[in-house]
Amino acid sequence: MAIIVNLDVMMAKRKISLNELSEKVDLTLSNLSILKTGKAKAIRFSTLEAICKALDCQPGDILEYDKK
């Protein structure tokens, strides 16, 4: 069982770079990179909200539950 982070997919769909998203959500590149690669252990709702606002998407577009 795992939570899959599809941040890279949404960023590609919206044609936004890691640097640009980092500036929009006021998050360091390293923290955003950890989230993007799926290595994050947690995410704050305020951060998720900022990302969704910047990418014009829903939390379910970024996070996915895998039953395997």
Protein backbone atom coordinates (compact mmCIF):
# COMPACT_ATOMS: atom_id res chain seq x y z
CA MET A 1 0.00 0.00 0.00
CA ALA A 2 1.29 3.39 -0.91
CA ILE A 3 0.38 6.93 -1.68
CA ILE A 4 1.59 7.91 -5.14
CA VAL A 5 2.44 11.54 -5.79
CA ASN A 6 1.62 12.64 -9.34
CA LEU A 7 2.97 16.16 -8.96
CA ASP A 8 5.33 15.74 -11.91
CA VAL A 9 2.39 14.68 -14.12
CA MET A 10 0.34 17.75 -13.16
CA MET A 11 3.34 20.02 -13.63
CA ALA A 12 3.87 18.62 -17.13
CA LYS A 13 0.18 19.06 -17.98
CA ARG A 14 0.30 22.68 -16.82
CA LYS A 15 3.73 23.24 -18.41
CA ILE A 16 5.22 24.67 -15.23
CA SER A 17 8.77 24.19 -14.01
CA LEU A 18 9.87 23.22 -10.53
CA ASN A 19 11.40 26.68 -10.08
CA GLU A 20 8.20 28.45 -11.11
CA LEU A 21 6.02 26.28 -8.87
CA SER A 22 8.44 26.78 -6.00
CA GLU A 23 8.03 30.54 -6.28
CA LYS A 24 4.23 30.36 -6.58
CA VAL A 25 3.75 28.15 -3.51
CA ASP A 26 6.59 29.67 -1.47
CA LEU A 27 8.30 26.33 -0.90
CA THR A 28 12.01 25.58 -1.22
CA LEU A 29 13.18 23.71 -4.30
CA SER A 30 14.53 20.88 -2.16
CA ASN A 31 11.23 20.39 -0.29
CA LEU A 32 9.24 20.54 -3.51
CA SER A 33 11.64 18.09 -5.14
CA ILE A 34 11.21 15.65 -2.23
CA LEU A 35 7.46 15.85 -2.70
CA LYS A 36 7.72 15.51 -6.48
CA THR A 37 9.84 12.37 -6.26
CA GLY A 38 7.46 10.75 -3.78
CA LYS A 39 10.00 10.67 -0.95
CA ALA A 40 7.98 12.93 1.36
CA LYS A 41 6.56 11.38 4.52
CA ALA A 42 3.85 14.04 4.94
CA ILE A 43 2.36 17.16 3.39
CA ARG A 44 0.61 20.04 5.11
CA PHE A 45 -2.88 20.85 3.93
CA SER A 46 -1.79 24.47 3.44
CA THR A 47 0.99 23.30 1.10
CA LEU A 48 -1.38 21.00 -0.78
CA GLU A 49 -3.87 23.86 -1.08
CA ALA A 50 -1.19 26.21 -2.46
CA ILE A 51 -0.06 23.60 -5.00
CA CYS A 52 -3.65 22.93 -6.11
CA LYS A 53 -4.25 26.67 -6.48
CA ALA A 54 -1.06 27.17 -8.50
CA LEU A 55 -1.77 24.18 -10.77
CA ASP A 56 -5.56 24.72 -10.90
CA CYS A 57 -6.28 21.14 -9.88
CA GLN A 58 -7.79 19.01 -7.12
CA PRO A 59 -5.84 17.10 -4.42
CA GLY A 60 -6.88 13.85 -6.11
CA ASP A 61 -5.04 14.96 -9.24
CA ILE A 62 -1.81 15.01 -7.23
CA LEU A 63 -2.27 12.20 -4.70
CA GLU A 64 -3.31 8.65 -5.53
CA TYR A 65 -3.78 5.60 -3.32
CA ASP A 66 -2.33 2.31 -4.59
CA LYS A 67 -3.73 -0.82 -2.88
CA LYS A 68 -0.75 -3.00 -3.86
